[in-house]
Amino acid sequence: MTASLAAAAAGFGTGLSLIVAIGAQNAFVLRQGVRRQSVLAVVGICALSDALLIALGVGGVGAVVVAWPGAITAVGWIGGAFLLCYGALAARRVLRPGGSLATEGASAGSRRRAVLTCLAMTWLNPHVYLDTVFLLGSIAAHQGSLRWTFGLGAAFASLCWFAALGFGARLLGRFLARPGAWRVLDGLVAVTMIAMGALLVAGA
């Protein structure tokens, strides 16, 4: 029992250390949380996607991904282009703000866009495969028979983080209700995504 708890705790800490790093996915979840649009769907997609990727890594797929460099290169080009486009849209919102933060519920169309964007942010990011699949998978392999317990801890860390980021962002609504504050957030998102997109394309 003690060994299982230790493995789960190690997985939780390792998973959290990889997820918390600022990135396009976190910025998108934060934006949706502040706007209170499709938060449950976005958090669910991120958490379930991470759980699946962690399971793939623990199951040994990480070695296959690294053995085929062409897959990482292709995803780098596609993901980099996507992040550059999304960053350009965020920069456009900085230059042409649309008003204060919207707090009303999302429409069907915006929910569909949020879901598709979230899926792209998650599955077109090569760092997800390198960190979540390969790195976590490699660390989990050293846990021996407790590798799946380690993976469960990492998946739980992902769920806790995205839930806190998405639903906790509502507490910032009062401070981000002004157009000026929202433009600052969009500016940070634009810089982050354009920088990451450029790095991915350069690396590919």
C-alpha atoms as a PDB file:
ATOM      1  CA  MET A   1       0.000   0.000   0.000  1.00  0.00           C
ATOM      2  CA  THR A   2       2.814   2.376   0.910  1.00  0.00           C
ATOM      3  CA  ALA A   3       4.621   1.625  -2.343  1.00  0.00           C
ATOM      4  CA  SER A   4       1.444   2.266  -4.344  1.00  0.00           C
ATOM      5  CA  LEU A   5       0.876   5.622  -2.642  1.00  0.00           C
ATOM      6  CA  ALA A   6       4.500   6.576  -3.271  1.00  0.00           C
ATOM      7  CA  ALA A   7       4.189   5.686  -6.963  1.00  0.00           C
ATOM      8  CA  ALA A   8       0.913   7.618  -7.282  1.00  0.00           C
ATOM      9  CA  ALA A   9       2.436  10.632  -5.509  1.00  0.00           C
ATOM     10  CA  ALA A  10       5.480  10.483  -7.792  1.00  0.00           C
ATOM     11  CA  GLY A  11       3.200  10.370 -10.823  1.00  0.00           C
ATOM     12  CA  PHE A  12       1.149  13.292  -9.515  1.00  0.00           C
ATOM     13  CA  GLY A  13       4.220  15.433  -8.903  1.00  0.00           C
ATOM     14  CA  THR A  14       5.845  14.567 -12.212  1.00  0.00           C
ATOM     15  CA  GLY A  15       2.652  15.126 -14.182  1.00  0.00           C
ATOM     16  CA  LEU A  16       1.974  18.440 -12.477  1.00  0.00           C
ATOM     17  CA  SER A  17       5.502  19.710 -13.105  1.00  0.00           C
ATOM     18  CA  LEU A  18       5.075  19.068 -16.836  1.00  0.00           C
ATOM     19  CA  ILE A  19       1.533  20.442 -17.148  1.00  0.00           C
ATOM     20  CA  VAL A  20       1.862  23.659 -15.138  1.00  0.00           C
ATOM     21  CA  ALA A  21       4.427  25.153 -17.543  1.00  0.00           C
ATOM     22  CA  ILE A  22       2.887  28.084 -19.437  1.00  0.00           C
ATOM     23  CA  GLY A  23       1.843  27.085 -22.911  1.00  0.00           C
ATOM     24  CA  ALA A  24      -0.775  27.507 -25.595  1.00  0.00           C
ATOM     25  CA  GLN A  25      -3.120  24.930 -24.078  1.00  0.00           C
ATOM     26  CA  ASN A  26      -3.031  26.515 -20.627  1.00  0.00           C
ATOM     27  CA  ALA A  27      -3.541  29.964 -22.111  1.00  0.00           C
ATOM     28  CA  PHE A  28      -6.580  28.732 -24.032  1.00  0.00           C
ATOM     29  CA  VAL A  29      -8.105  27.047 -20.965  1.00  0.00           C
ATOM     30  CA  LEU A  30      -7.544  30.229 -18.954  1.00  0.00           C
ATOM     31  CA  ARG A  31      -9.218  32.347 -21.626  1.00  0.00           C
ATOM     32  CA  GLN A  32     -12.243  30.051 -21.783  1.00  0.00           C
ATOM     33  CA  GLY A  33     -12.459  29.972 -17.997  1.00  0.00           C
ATOM     34  CA  VAL A  34     -12.379  33.744 -17.660  1.00  0.00           C
ATOM     35  CA  ARG A  35     -15.045  34.114 -20.334  1.00  0.00           C
ATOM     36  CA  ARG A  36     -17.054  31.219 -18.825  1.00  0.00           C
ATOM     37  CA  GLN A  37     -17.500  29.645 -22.232  1.00  0.00           C
ATOM     38  CA  SER A  38     -17.553  25.857 -22.687  1.00  0.00           C
ATOM     39  CA  VAL A  39     -15.376  25.445 -19.595  1.00  0.00           C
ATOM     40  CA  LEU A  40     -16.578  21.937 -18.742  1.00  0.00           C
ATOM     41  CA  ALA A  41     -16.075  20.723 -22.308  1.00  0.00           C
ATOM     42  CA  VAL A  42     -12.597  22.264 -22.568  1.00  0.00           C
ATOM     43  CA  VAL A  43     -11.458  20.968 -19.171  1.00  0.00           C
ATOM     44  CA  GLY A  44     -12.872  17.532 -19.978  1.00  0.00           C
ATOM     45  CA  ILE A  45     -11.108  17.362 -23.344  1.00  0.00           C
ATOM     46  CA  CYS A  46      -7.769  18.411 -21.852  1.00  0.00           C
ATOM     47  CA  ALA A  47      -7.983  16.002 -18.913  1.00  0.00           C
ATOM     48  CA  LEU A  48      -9.222  13.032 -20.960  1.00  0.00           C
ATOM     49  CA  SER A  49      -6.657  13.674 -23.701  1.00  0.00           C
ATOM     50  CA  ASP A  50      -3.859  13.770 -21.154  1.00  0.00           C
ATOM     51  CA  ALA A  51      -5.141  10.572 -19.533  1.00  0.00           C
ATOM     52  CA  LEU A  52      -5.118   8.819 -22.923  1.00  0.00           C
ATOM     53  CA  LEU A  53      -1.645  10.106 -23.793  1.00  0.00           C
ATOM     54  CA  ILE A  54      -0.316   9.072 -20.392  1.00  0.00           C
ATOM     55  CA  ALA A  55      -1.806   5.616 -20.885  1.00  0.00           C
ATOM     56  CA  LEU A  56      -0.089   5.379 -24.283  1.00  0.00           C
ATOM     57  CA  GLY A  57       3.219   6.384 -22.728  1.00  0.00           C
ATOM     58  CA  VAL A  58       2.920   3.972 -19.816  1.00  0.00           C
ATOM     59  CA  GLY A  59       1.952   1.242 -22.273  1.00  0.00           C
ATOM     60  CA  GLY A  60       5.203   1.707 -24.166  1.00  0.00           C
ATOM     61  CA  VAL A  61       4.137   3.802 -27.167  1.00  0.00           C
ATOM     62  CA  GLY A  62       6.680   6.466 -26.196  1.00  0.00           C
ATOM     63  CA  ALA A  63       9.494   4.365 -27.621  1.00  0.00           C
ATOM     64  CA  VAL A  64       7.651   4.030 -30.942  1.00  0.00           C
ATOM     65  CA  VAL A  65       7.081   7.796 -31.206  1.00  0.00           C
ATOM     66  CA  VAL A  66      10.746   8.568 -30.628  1.00  0.00           C
ATOM     67  CA  ALA A  67      11.815   5.821 -33.047  1.00  0.00           C
ATOM     68  CA  TRP A  68       9.925   7.578 -35.867  1.00  0.00           C
ATOM     69  CA  PRO A  69      11.306  11.149 -36.056  1.00  0.00           C
ATOM     70  CA  GLY A  70       9.149  11.888 -39.080  1.00  0.00           C
ATOM     71  CA  ALA A  71       6.026  11.895 -36.918  1.00  0.00           C
ATOM     72  CA  ILE A  72       7.412  14.577 -34.609  1.00  0.00           C
ATOM     73  CA  THR A  73       8.579  16.650 -37.591  1.00  0.00           C
ATOM     74  CA  ALA A  74       5.177  16.542 -39.271  1.00  0.00           C
ATOM     75  CA  VAL A  75       3.331  17.428 -36.082  1.00  0.00           C
ATOM     76  CA  GLY A  76       5.838  20.224 -35.480  1.00  0.00           C
ATOM     77  CA  TRP A  77       5.030  21.860 -38.821  1.00  0.00           C
ATOM     78  CA  ILE A  78       1.272  21.488 -38.432  1.00  0.00           C
ATOM     79  CA  GLY A  79       1.197  22.481 -34.774  1.00  0.00           C
ATOM     80  CA  GLY A  80       3.561  25.405 -35.328  1.00  0.00           C
ATOM     81  CA  ALA A  81       1.425  26.780 -38.146  1.00  0.00           C
ATOM     82  CA  PHE A  82      -1.687  26.427 -36.007  1.00  0.00           C
ATOM     83  CA  LEU A  83      -0.121  28.273 -33.073  1.00  0.00           C
ATOM     84  CA  LEU A  84       1.118  31.071 -35.341  1.00  0.00           C
ATOM     85  CA  CYS A  85      -2.388  31.555 -36.736  1.00  0.00           C
ATOM     86  CA  TYR A  86      -3.999  31.506 -33.310  1.00  0.00           C
ATOM     87  CA  GLY A  87      -1.379  33.934 -31.997  1.00  0.00           C
ATOM     88  CA  ALA A  88      -2.058  36.261 -34.919  1.00  0.00           C
ATOM     89  CA  LEU A  89      -5.754  36.242 -34.048  1.00  0.00           C
ATOM     90  CA  ALA A  90      -4.945  37.115 -30.433  1.00  0.00           C
ATOM     91  CA  ALA A  91      -2.683  39.959 -31.615  1.00  0.00           C
ATOM     92  CA  ARG A  92      -5.516  41.191 -33.833  1.00  0.00           C
ATOM     93  CA  ARG A  93      -7.793  41.337 -30.772  1.00  0.00           C
ATOM     94  CA  VAL A  94      -5.186  43.492 -29.030  1.00  0.00           C
ATOM     95  CA  LEU A  95      -5.170  45.982 -31.895  1.00  0.00           C
ATOM     96  CA  ARG A  96      -8.927  45.799 -32.462  1.00  0.00           C
ATOM     97  CA  PRO A  97     -10.549  45.012 -29.100  1.00  0.00           C
ATOM     98  CA  GLY A  98     -14.136  43.870 -29.183  1.00  0.00           C
ATOM     99  CA  GLY A  99     -15.168  45.231 -25.798  1.00  0.00           C
ATOM    100  CA  SER A 100     -15.217  44.001 -22.232  1.00  0.00           C
ATOM    101  CA  LEU A 101     -15.130  40.427 -21.109  1.00  0.00           C
ATOM    102  CA  ALA A 102     -18.249  38.486 -22.057  1.00  0.00           C
ATOM    103  CA  THR A 103     -19.773  36.448 -19.241  1.00  0.00           C
ATOM    104  CA  GLU A 104     -22.872  35.043 -20.853  1.00  0.00           C
ATOM    105  CA  GLY A 105     -23.069  31.435 -21.939  1.00  0.00           C
ATOM    106  CA  ALA A 106     -21.591  30.281 -25.196  1.00  0.00           C
ATOM    107  CA  SER A 107     -23.658  29.572 -28.234  1.00  0.00           C
ATOM    108  CA  ALA A 108     -23.595  26.268 -30.081  1.00  0.00           C
ATOM    109  CA  GLY A 109     -21.250  27.694 -32.691  1.00  0.00           C
ATOM    110  CA  SER A 110     -18.746  29.074 -30.183  1.00  0.00           C
ATOM    111  CA  ARG A 111     -18.865  25.814 -28.231  1.00  0.00           C
ATOM    112  CA  ARG A 112     -18.044  23.890 -31.398  1.00  0.00           C
ATOM    113  CA  ARG A 113     -15.159  26.245 -32.154  1.00  0.00           C
ATOM    114  CA  ALA A 114     -13.897  25.926 -28.591  1.00  0.00           C
ATOM    115  CA  VAL A 115     -13.953  22.130 -28.792  1.00  0.00           C
ATOM    116  CA  LEU A 116     -12.154  22.039 -32.150  1.00  0.00           C
ATOM    117  CA  THR A 117      -9.569  24.581 -31.004  1.00  0.00           C
ATOM    118  CA  CYS A 118      -8.967  22.671 -27.781  1.00  0.00           C
ATOM    119  CA  LEU A 119      -8.497  19.407 -29.682  1.00  0.00           C
ATOM    120  CA  ALA A 120      -6.010  21.080 -32.021  1.00  0.00           C
ATOM    121  CA  MET A 121      -4.146  22.712 -29.117  1.00  0.00           C
ATOM    122  CA  THR A 122      -3.803  19.319 -27.482  1.00  0.00           C
ATOM    123  CA  TRP A 123      -3.144  16.874 -30.310  1.00  0.00           C
ATOM    124  CA  LEU A 124      -1.128  19.118 -32.662  1.00  0.00           C
ATOM    125  CA  ASN A 125       1.413  20.025 -30.008  1.00  0.00           C
ATOM    126  CA  PRO A 126       4.549  17.873 -30.382  1.00  0.00           C
ATOM    127  CA  HIS A 127       5.601  18.748 -26.832  1.00  0.00           C
ATOM    128  CA  VAL A 128       2.589  16.764 -25.656  1.00  0.00           C
ATOM    129  CA  TYR A 129       3.997  13.626 -27.255  1.00  0.00           C
ATOM    130  CA  LEU A 130       7.532  14.255 -26.073  1.00  0.00           C
ATOM    131  CA  ASP A 131       6.580  15.152 -22.498  1.00  0.00           C
ATOM    132  CA  THR A 132       3.378  13.260 -21.774  1.00  0.00           C
ATOM    133  CA  VAL A 133       3.986  10.149 -23.874  1.00  0.00           C
ATOM    134  CA  PHE A 134       7.738   9.678 -24.030  1.00  0.00           C
ATOM    135  CA  LEU A 135       9.041  11.376 -20.875  1.00  0.00           C
ATOM    136  CA  LEU A 136       6.264  10.231 -18.539  1.00  0.00           C
ATOM    137  CA  GLY A 137       6.288   6.818 -20.182  1.00  0.00           C
ATOM    138  CA  SER A 138      10.021   6.480 -19.622  1.00  0.00           C
ATOM    139  CA  ILE A 139       9.744   7.513 -15.973  1.00  0.00           C
ATOM    140  CA  ALA A 140       6.798   5.194 -15.455  1.00  0.00           C
ATOM    141  CA  ALA A 141       8.806   2.289 -16.865  1.00  0.00           C
ATOM    142  CA  HIS A 142      11.185   2.600 -13.914  1.00  0.00           C
ATOM    143  CA  GLN A 143       8.276   1.996 -11.547  1.00  0.00           C
ATOM    144  CA  GLY A 144       8.055  -1.614 -12.663  1.00  0.00           C
ATOM    145  CA  SER A 145       4.770  -3.242 -11.699  1.00  0.00           C
ATOM    146  CA  LEU A 146       3.554   0.071 -10.244  1.00  0.00           C
ATOM    147  CA  ARG A 147       3.884   1.949 -13.533  1.00  0.00           C
ATOM    148  CA  TRP A 148       0.107   2.115 -14.010  1.00  0.00           C
ATOM    149  CA  THR A 149      -0.310   3.497 -10.492  1.00  0.00           C
ATOM    150  CA  PHE A 150       2.255   6.135 -11.439  1.00  0.00           C
ATOM    151  CA  GLY A 151       0.240   6.869 -14.578  1.00  0.00           C
ATOM    152  CA  LEU A 152      -2.971   7.239 -12.568  1.00  0.00           C
ATOM    153  CA  GLY A 153      -1.256   9.790 -10.354  1.00  0.00           C
ATOM    154  CA  ALA A 154      -0.106  11.765 -13.390  1.00  0.00           C
ATOM    155  CA  ALA A 155      -3.592  11.663 -14.934  1.00  0.00           C
ATOM    156  CA  PHE A 156      -5.128  12.867 -11.667  1.00  0.00           C
ATOM    157  CA  ALA A 157      -2.642  15.766 -11.602  1.00  0.00           C
ATOM    158  CA  SER A 158      -3.781  16.742 -15.084  1.00  0.00           C
ATOM    159  CA  LEU A 159      -7.435  16.675 -14.049  1.00  0.00           C
ATOM    160  CA  CYS A 160      -6.770  18.784 -10.944  1.00  0.00           C
ATOM    161  CA  TRP A 161      -4.727  21.354 -12.856  1.00  0.00           C
ATOM    162  CA  PHE A 162      -7.115  21.904 -15.742  1.00  0.00           C
ATOM    163  CA  ALA A 163     -10.138  22.000 -13.419  1.00  0.00           C
ATOM    164  CA  ALA A 164      -8.435  24.592 -11.223  1.00  0.00           C
ATOM    165  CA  LEU A 165      -7.318  26.625 -14.226  1.00  0.00           C
ATOM    166  CA  GLY A 166     -10.666  26.529 -16.024  1.00  0.00           C
ATOM    167  CA  PHE A 167     -13.099  26.941 -13.149  1.00  0.00           C
ATOM    168  CA  GLY A 168     -10.783  28.977 -10.924  1.00  0.00           C
ATOM    169  CA  ALA A 169     -10.325  31.543 -13.687  1.00  0.00           C
ATOM    170  CA  ARG A 170     -13.848  32.786 -12.947  1.00  0.00           C
ATOM    171  CA  LEU A 171     -12.458  34.474  -9.853  1.00  0.00           C
ATOM    172  CA  LEU A 172     -10.549  36.782 -12.209  1.00  0.00           C
ATOM    173  CA  GLY A 173     -13.705  37.873 -13.999  1.00  0.00           C
ATOM    174  CA  ARG A 174     -14.086  41.074 -11.961  1.00  0.00           C
ATOM    175  CA  PHE A 175     -10.526  42.154 -12.722  1.00  0.00           C
ATOM    176  CA  LEU A 176     -10.690  41.230 -16.400  1.00  0.00           C
ATOM    177  CA  ALA A 177     -14.086  42.789 -17.054  1.00  0.00           C
ATOM    178  CA  ARG A 178     -12.418  45.886 -18.477  1.00  0.00           C
ATOM    179  CA  PRO A 179     -11.222  46.002 -22.106  1.00  0.00           C
ATOM    180  CA  GLY A 180      -7.763  47.188 -21.053  1.00  0.00           C
ATOM    181  CA  ALA A 181      -7.118  44.167 -18.842  1.00  0.00           C
ATOM    182  CA  TRP A 182      -8.419  41.803 -21.511  1.00  0.00           C
ATOM    183  CA  ARG A 183      -6.111  43.342 -24.103  1.00  0.00           C
ATOM    184  CA  VAL A 184      -3.153  42.676 -21.796  1.00  0.00           C
ATOM    185  CA  LEU A 185      -4.204  39.017 -21.475  1.00  0.00           C
ATOM    186  CA  ASP A 186      -4.627  38.704 -25.237  1.00  0.00           C
ATOM    187  CA  GLY A 187      -1.217  40.288 -25.684  1.00  0.00           C
ATOM    188  CA  LEU A 188       0.387  37.701 -23.407  1.00  0.00           C
ATOM    189  CA  VAL A 189      -1.448  34.912 -25.232  1.00  0.00           C
ATOM    190  CA  ALA A 190      -0.321  36.272 -28.608  1.00  0.00           C
ATOM    191  CA  VAL A 191       3.326  36.517 -27.564  1.00  0.00           C
ATOM    192  CA  THR A 192       3.293  33.026 -26.041  1.00  0.00           C
ATOM    193  CA  MET A 193       1.651  31.346 -29.011  1.00  0.00           C
ATOM    194  CA  ILE A 194       3.649  33.132 -31.703  1.00  0.00           C
ATOM    195  CA  ALA A 195       6.902  32.368 -29.876  1.00  0.00           C
ATOM    196  CA  MET A 196       5.981  28.704 -29.407  1.00  0.00           C
ATOM    197  CA  GLY A 197       4.764  28.423 -33.000  1.00  0.00           C
ATOM    198  CA  ALA A 198       7.995  29.891 -34.333  1.00  0.00           C
ATOM    199  CA  LEU A 199      10.043  27.528 -32.190  1.00  0.00           C
ATOM    200  CA  LEU A 200       8.069  24.511 -33.369  1.00  0.00           C
ATOM    201  CA  VAL A 201       8.417  25.454 -37.043  1.00  0.00           C
ATOM    202  CA  ALA A 202      12.142  26.168 -36.598  1.00  0.00           C
ATOM    203  CA  GLY A 203      12.625  22.871 -34.810  1.00  0.00           C
ATOM    204  CA  ALA A 204      10.698  20.960 -37.472  1.00  0.00           C
END
